[in-house]
C-alpha atoms as a PDB file:
ATOM      1  CA  MET A   1      59.178 145.408 148.388  1.00  0.00           C
ATOM      2  CA  PRO A   2      60.071 148.407 150.575  1.00  0.00           C
ATOM      3  CA  ALA A   3      61.515 151.493 148.908  1.00  0.00           C
ATOM      4  CA  PHE A   4      64.554 151.349 151.182  1.00  0.00           C
ATOM      5  CA  PRO A   5      66.480 148.329 152.435  1.00  0.00           C
ATOM      6  CA  PRO A   6      65.670 147.395 156.020  1.00  0.00           C
ATOM      7  CA  ASN A   7      67.906 148.956 158.637  1.00  0.00           C
ATOM      8  CA  VAL A   8      69.106 145.645 160.045  1.00  0.00           C
ATOM      9  CA  ARG A   9      72.663 145.209 161.130  1.00  0.00           C
ATOM     10  CA  PRO A  10      74.248 142.081 159.682  1.00  0.00           C
ATOM     11  CA  LYS A  11      76.126 139.660 161.889  1.00  0.00           C
ATOM     12  CA  PRO A  12      79.818 140.482 162.223  1.00  0.00           C
ATOM     13  CA  ASP A  13      82.260 138.682 159.976  1.00  0.00           C
ATOM     14  CA  LYS A  14      83.557 135.413 161.418  1.00  0.00           C
ATOM     15  CA  VAL A  15      87.141 136.696 161.582  1.00  0.00           C
ATOM     16  CA  LEU A  16      86.016 139.563 163.842  1.00  0.00           C
ATOM     17  CA  THR A  17      84.384 137.195 166.313  1.00  0.00           C
ATOM     18  CA  LEU A  18      87.374 134.840 166.234  1.00  0.00           C
ATOM     19  CA  ILE A  19      89.681 137.722 167.137  1.00  0.00           C
ATOM     20  CA  ALA A  20      87.278 138.987 169.813  1.00  0.00           C
ATOM     21  CA  ASP A  21      86.928 135.483 171.275  1.00  0.00           C
ATOM     22  CA  TYR A  22      90.691 135.149 171.549  1.00  0.00           C
ATOM     23  CA  ALA A  23      91.126 138.646 172.997  1.00  0.00           C
ATOM     24  CA  THR A  24      88.383 138.274 175.602  1.00  0.00           C
ATOM     25  CA  LYS A  25      88.156 134.581 176.452  1.00  0.00           C
ATOM     26  CA  PHE A  26      91.500 132.871 175.885  1.00  0.00           C
ATOM     27  CA  ASP A  27      93.634 132.322 178.970  1.00  0.00           C
ATOM     28  CA  ILE A  28      97.380 132.517 178.317  1.00  0.00           C
ATOM     29  CA  LYS A  29      99.130 129.794 180.305  1.00  0.00           C
ATOM     30  CA  SER A  30     102.467 129.502 178.513  1.00  0.00           C
ATOM     31  CA  ARG A  31     105.431 130.323 180.735  1.00  0.00           C
ATOM     32  CA  PRO A  32     107.748 130.785 177.693  1.00  0.00           C
ATOM     33  CA  ALA A  33     105.224 133.217 176.186  1.00  0.00           C
ATOM     34  CA  TYR A  34     105.351 135.384 179.326  1.00  0.00           C
ATOM     35  CA  GLU A  35     109.144 135.190 179.455  1.00  0.00           C
ATOM     36  CA  THR A  36     109.394 136.220 175.807  1.00  0.00           C
ATOM     37  CA  ALA A  37     106.891 139.039 176.343  1.00  0.00           C
ATOM     38  CA  ARG A  38     108.957 140.319 179.270  1.00  0.00           C
ATOM     39  CA  TYR A  39     112.080 140.425 177.069  1.00  0.00           C
ATOM     40  CA  CYS A  40     110.113 142.146 174.320  1.00  0.00           C
ATOM     41  CA  LEU A  41     108.824 144.742 176.791  1.00  0.00           C
ATOM     42  CA  MET A  42     112.360 145.502 178.004  1.00  0.00           C
ATOM     43  CA  ASP A  43     113.718 145.672 174.452  1.00  0.00           C
ATOM     44  CA  THR A  44     110.901 147.912 173.273  1.00  0.00           C
ATOM     45  CA  LEU A  45     111.228 150.291 176.219  1.00  0.00           C
ATOM     46  CA  GLY A  46     114.989 150.374 175.618  1.00  0.00           C
ATOM     47  CA  CYS A  47     114.432 151.360 171.986  1.00  0.00           C
ATOM     48  CA  GLY A  48     111.952 154.034 173.050  1.00  0.00           C
ATOM     49  CA  LEU A  49     114.200 155.496 175.727  1.00  0.00           C
ATOM     50  CA  GLU A  50     117.184 155.587 173.349  1.00  0.00           C
ATOM     51  CA  ALA A  51     115.007 157.450 170.830  1.00  0.00           C
ATOM     52  CA  LEU A  52     114.772 160.295 173.358  1.00  0.00           C
ATOM     53  CA  GLU A  53     118.385 161.125 172.421  1.00  0.00           C
ATOM     54  CA  TYR A  54     117.177 162.240 168.980  1.00  0.00           C
ATOM     55  CA  PRO A  55     115.681 165.757 168.727  1.00  0.00           C
ATOM     56  CA  ALA A  56     113.806 164.793 165.557  1.00  0.00           C
ATOM     57  CA  CYS A  57     111.906 162.276 167.699  1.00  0.00           C
ATOM     58  CA  THR A  58     111.411 164.397 170.810  1.00  0.00           C
ATOM     59  CA  LYS A  59     109.966 167.298 168.822  1.00  0.00           C
ATOM     60  CA  LEU A  60     107.023 165.004 168.006  1.00  0.00           C
ATOM     61  CA  LEU A  61     106.316 164.279 171.665  1.00  0.00           C
ATOM     62  CA  GLY A  62     104.029 166.026 174.114  1.00  0.00           C
ATOM     63  CA  PRO A  63     100.484 167.332 173.997  1.00  0.00           C
ATOM     64  CA  ILE A  64      98.852 168.459 170.768  1.00  0.00           C
ATOM     65  CA  VAL A  65      98.478 171.983 172.145  1.00  0.00           C
ATOM     66  CA  PRO A  66     100.773 173.466 174.804  1.00  0.00           C
ATOM     67  CA  GLY A  67      99.719 173.649 178.423  1.00  0.00           C
ATOM     68  CA  PRO A  68      97.035 171.034 179.079  1.00  0.00           C
ATOM     69  CA  ILE A  69      96.984 169.486 182.522  1.00  0.00           C
ATOM     70  CA  VAL A  70      95.905 165.858 182.700  1.00  0.00           C
ATOM     71  CA  PRO A  71      96.235 164.975 186.399  1.00  0.00           C
ATOM     72  CA  ASN A  72      95.524 161.259 185.968  1.00  0.00           C
ATOM     73  CA  GLY A  73      96.874 160.970 182.455  1.00  0.00           C
ATOM     74  CA  ALA A  74      99.143 158.296 181.066  1.00  0.00           C
ATOM     75  CA  LYS A  75     102.850 158.908 181.575  1.00  0.00           C
ATOM     76  CA  VAL A  76     105.172 158.838 178.596  1.00  0.00           C
ATOM     77  CA  PRO A  77     108.256 156.892 179.757  1.00  0.00           C
ATOM     78  CA  GLY A  78     111.441 158.930 180.054  1.00  0.00           C
ATOM     79  CA  THR A  79     109.653 162.269 179.677  1.00  0.00           C
ATOM     80  CA  ARG A  80     107.780 164.705 181.895  1.00  0.00           C
ATOM     81  CA  TYR A  81     104.612 164.251 179.827  1.00  0.00           C
ATOM     82  CA  GLN A  82     101.394 163.003 181.339  1.00  0.00           C
ATOM     83  CA  LEU A  83      98.792 162.929 178.583  1.00  0.00           C
ATOM     84  CA  ASP A  84      95.383 161.641 177.633  1.00  0.00           C
ATOM     85  CA  PRO A  85      95.659 157.979 176.592  1.00  0.00           C
ATOM     86  CA  VAL A  86      95.299 158.667 172.869  1.00  0.00           C
ATOM     87  CA  GLN A  87      98.107 161.224 172.731  1.00  0.00           C
ATOM     88  CA  ALA A  88     100.221 159.128 175.106  1.00  0.00           C
ATOM     89  CA  ALA A  89      99.783 156.149 172.759  1.00  0.00           C
ATOM     90  CA  PHE A  90     101.036 158.272 169.869  1.00  0.00           C
ATOM     91  CA  ASN A  91     104.009 159.507 171.916  1.00  0.00           C
ATOM     92  CA  ILE A  92     104.985 156.037 173.118  1.00  0.00           C
ATOM     93  CA  GLY A  93     104.474 154.591 169.644  1.00  0.00           C
ATOM     94  CA  ALA A  94     106.684 157.277 168.078  1.00  0.00           C
ATOM     95  CA  MET A  95     109.434 156.556 170.603  1.00  0.00           C
ATOM     96  CA  ILE A  96     109.198 152.804 170.114  1.00  0.00           C
ATOM     97  CA  ARG A  97     109.465 152.949 166.325  1.00  0.00           C
ATOM     98  CA  TRP A  98     111.898 155.843 165.956  1.00  0.00           C
ATOM     99  CA  LEU A  99     115.127 153.835 165.713  1.00  0.00           C
ATOM    100  CA  ASP A 100     113.531 150.882 163.904  1.00  0.00           C
ATOM    101  CA  PHE A 101     115.529 148.503 166.104  1.00  0.00           C
ATOM    102  CA  ASN A 102     112.647 146.655 167.742  1.00  0.00           C
ATOM    103  CA  ASP A 103     111.179 143.286 166.820  1.00  0.00           C
ATOM    104  CA  THR A 104     110.258 142.214 163.307  1.00  0.00           C
ATOM    105  CA  TRP A 105     107.779 139.570 162.223  1.00  0.00           C
ATOM    106  CA  LEU A 106     108.261 138.167 158.722  1.00  0.00           C
ATOM    107  CA  ALA A 107     105.504 136.212 156.996  1.00  0.00           C
ATOM    108  CA  ALA A 108     103.250 136.931 154.004  1.00  0.00           C
ATOM    109  CA  GLU A 109     103.133 140.382 155.630  1.00  0.00           C
ATOM    110  CA  TRP A 110     105.854 141.854 157.783  1.00  0.00           C
ATOM    111  CA  GLY A 111     105.398 143.977 160.837  1.00  0.00           C
ATOM    112  CA  HIS A 112     106.607 145.014 164.247  1.00  0.00           C
ATOM    113  CA  PRO A 113     104.256 143.558 166.878  1.00  0.00           C
ATOM    114  CA  SER A 114     105.843 145.608 169.654  1.00  0.00           C
ATOM    115  CA  ASP A 115     104.200 148.630 167.994  1.00  0.00           C
ATOM    116  CA  ASN A 116     101.090 147.543 169.912  1.00  0.00           C
ATOM    117  CA  LEU A 117     102.805 148.666 173.113  1.00  0.00           C
ATOM    118  CA  GLY A 118     102.025 152.299 172.302  1.00  0.00           C
ATOM    119  CA  ALA A 119      98.343 151.632 172.916  1.00  0.00           C
ATOM    120  CA  ILE A 120      98.816 148.950 175.577  1.00  0.00           C
ATOM    121  CA  LEU A 121     101.170 150.954 177.817  1.00  0.00           C
ATOM    122  CA  ALA A 122      99.206 154.190 177.503  1.00  0.00           C
ATOM    123  CA  VAL A 123      95.884 152.565 178.355  1.00  0.00           C
ATOM    124  CA  ALA A 124      97.346 150.390 181.124  1.00  0.00           C
ATOM    125  CA  ASP A 125      98.979 153.379 182.810  1.00  0.00           C
ATOM    126  CA  TRP A 126      95.892 155.563 182.416  1.00  0.00           C
ATOM    127  CA  LEU A 127      93.656 152.823 183.823  1.00  0.00           C
ATOM    128  CA  SER A 128      96.009 152.250 186.761  1.00  0.00           C
ATOM    129  CA  ARG A 129      95.842 155.945 187.650  1.00  0.00           C
ATOM    130  CA  ASN A 130      92.066 156.082 187.407  1.00  0.00           C
ATOM    131  CA  LYS A 131      90.885 152.788 188.931  1.00  0.00           C
ATOM    132  CA  LYS A 132      90.940 151.543 192.475  1.00  0.00           C
ATOM    133  CA  GLN A 133      92.815 148.406 191.434  1.00  0.00           C
ATOM    134  CA  PRO A 134      95.863 149.139 189.249  1.00  0.00           C
ATOM    135  CA  LEU A 135      96.768 146.784 186.454  1.00  0.00           C
ATOM    136  CA  LEU A 136      99.709 144.469 186.992  1.00  0.00           C
ATOM    137  CA  VAL A 137     102.701 143.981 184.701  1.00  0.00           C
ATOM    138  CA  ARG A 138     101.222 140.544 183.999  1.00  0.00           C
ATOM    139  CA  ASP A 139      98.134 142.276 182.557  1.00  0.00           C
ATOM    140  CA  VAL A 140     100.403 144.231 180.208  1.00  0.00           C
ATOM    141  CA  LEU A 141     102.291 141.066 179.253  1.00  0.00           C
ATOM    142  CA  THR A 142      99.019 139.217 178.597  1.00  0.00           C
ATOM    143  CA  ALA A 143      97.835 142.023 176.321  1.00  0.00           C
ATOM    144  CA  MET A 144     101.213 141.952 174.557  1.00  0.00           C
ATOM    145  CA  ILE A 145     101.062 138.213 173.964  1.00  0.00           C
ATOM    146  CA  LYS A 146      97.554 138.441 172.568  1.00  0.00           C
ATOM    147  CA  ALA A 147      98.441 141.418 170.359  1.00  0.00           C
ATOM    148  CA  HIS A 148     101.523 139.634 169.017  1.00  0.00           C
ATOM    149  CA  GLU A 149      99.455 136.518 168.307  1.00  0.00           C
ATOM    150  CA  ILE A 150      96.636 138.409 166.598  1.00  0.00           C
ATOM    151  CA  GLN A 151      98.971 140.470 164.442  1.00  0.00           C
ATOM    152  CA  GLY A 152     101.237 137.522 163.690  1.00  0.00           C
ATOM    153  CA  VAL A 153      98.545 135.023 162.760  1.00  0.00           C
ATOM    154  CA  ILE A 154      96.802 137.455 160.412  1.00  0.00           C
ATOM    155  CA  ALA A 155     100.173 138.259 158.804  1.00  0.00           C
ATOM    156  CA  LEU A 156     100.921 134.594 158.136  1.00  0.00           C
ATOM    157  CA  GLU A 157      98.664 134.395 155.097  1.00  0.00           C
ATOM    158  CA  ASN A 158      97.670 137.975 154.298  1.00  0.00           C
ATOM    159  CA  SER A 159      99.900 140.405 152.409  1.00  0.00           C
ATOM    160  CA  PHE A 160      98.401 143.864 152.745  1.00  0.00           C
ATOM    161  CA  ASN A 161     101.311 145.579 150.985  1.00  0.00           C
ATOM    162  CA  ARG A 162     100.506 143.540 147.880  1.00  0.00           C
ATOM    163  CA  VAL A 163      97.216 145.452 147.621  1.00  0.00           C
ATOM    164  CA  GLY A 164      98.649 148.822 148.606  1.00  0.00           C
ATOM    165  CA  LEU A 165      97.917 148.835 152.348  1.00  0.00           C
ATOM    166  CA  ASP A 166     100.574 149.386 154.979  1.00  0.00           C
ATOM    167  CA  HIS A 167     101.230 146.586 157.464  1.00  0.00           C
ATOM    168  CA  VAL A 168     100.310 148.966 160.285  1.00  0.00           C
ATOM    169  CA  VAL A 169      96.692 147.954 159.679  1.00  0.00           C
ATOM    170  CA  LEU A 170      97.546 144.858 161.722  1.00  0.00           C
ATOM    171  CA  VAL A 171      98.720 146.996 164.651  1.00  0.00           C
ATOM    172  CA  LYS A 172      95.374 148.773 164.611  1.00  0.00           C
ATOM    173  CA  VAL A 173      93.439 145.498 164.652  1.00  0.00           C
ATOM    174  CA  ALA A 174      95.570 143.874 167.366  1.00  0.00           C
ATOM    175  CA  SER A 175      95.705 146.999 169.544  1.00  0.00           C
ATOM    176  CA  ALA A 176      91.949 147.515 169.331  1.00  0.00           C
ATOM    177  CA  ALA A 177      91.356 143.853 170.176  1.00  0.00           C
ATOM    178  CA  VAL A 178      93.455 143.886 173.360  1.00  0.00           C
ATOM    179  CA  VAL A 179      92.893 147.437 174.598  1.00  0.00           C
ATOM    180  CA  ALA A 180      89.079 147.356 174.345  1.00  0.00           C
ATOM    181  CA  PRO A 181      88.762 144.599 176.990  1.00  0.00           C
ATOM    182  CA  LEU A 182      91.218 146.465 179.259  1.00  0.00           C
ATOM    183  CA  LEU A 183      88.891 149.459 179.023  1.00  0.00           C
ATOM    184  CA  GLY A 184      85.984 147.280 180.150  1.00  0.00           C
ATOM    185  CA  CYS A 185      84.217 147.067 176.808  1.00  0.00           C
ATOM    186  CA  THR A 186      81.507 144.482 176.327  1.00  0.00           C
ATOM    187  CA  TYR A 187      82.078 141.647 173.862  1.00  0.00           C
ATOM    188  CA  GLU A 188      79.975 143.453 171.255  1.00  0.00           C
ATOM    189  CA  GLN A 189      81.999 146.629 171.775  1.00  0.00           C
ATOM    190  CA  VAL A 190      85.231 144.650 171.331  1.00  0.00           C
ATOM    191  CA  VAL A 191      83.913 143.269 168.023  1.00  0.00           C
ATOM    192  CA  ASN A 192      82.937 146.806 166.987  1.00  0.00           C
ATOM    193  CA  ALA A 193      86.375 148.184 167.911  1.00  0.00           C
ATOM    194  CA  ILE A 194      88.106 145.490 165.858  1.00  0.00           C
ATOM    195  CA  SER A 195      85.739 146.165 162.968  1.00  0.00           C
ATOM    196  CA  GLN A 196      86.580 149.877 163.008  1.00  0.00           C
ATOM    197  CA  ALA A 197      90.331 149.267 163.142  1.00  0.00           C
END
């Protein structure tokens, strides 16, 4: 018997591969799903733009340190900020959630699936500014649908608050699952991103 356990990576948990399969291989064909996603996008952007009327919200927005220039950065809607995708995701997410008026999903766990738009919009805009072929609104809507489904299905039978975890863990999982493929990650990298969420 060796003194140390072998350095062999175990196979990923089944739930990780199920989520990755859905995020990378499932083709959304439902017209009502796209229509609903479009309404959700408009509602969420409306909530975020209204939040700009509140100084307590706007003081959280912008770069981490003053003065950076990110020529092809992601735009933060309704502001002059153009930021790296991570900081833009935080900014957009803060705007979206500020008023707490956006969608709510109630199941064993509750949540706000539109919170995923912080990551989705920031990455989609950043990619569109840095690739030859910009993403389409349909790409954003597809990512939204998948994020809503991932977050919602996990919430159906899992109560994270019951064990002391905030429901935002589901936003992390769903956002990682849909943003990683947009960034061009391999299937294994998508599984890894979900695992780290």
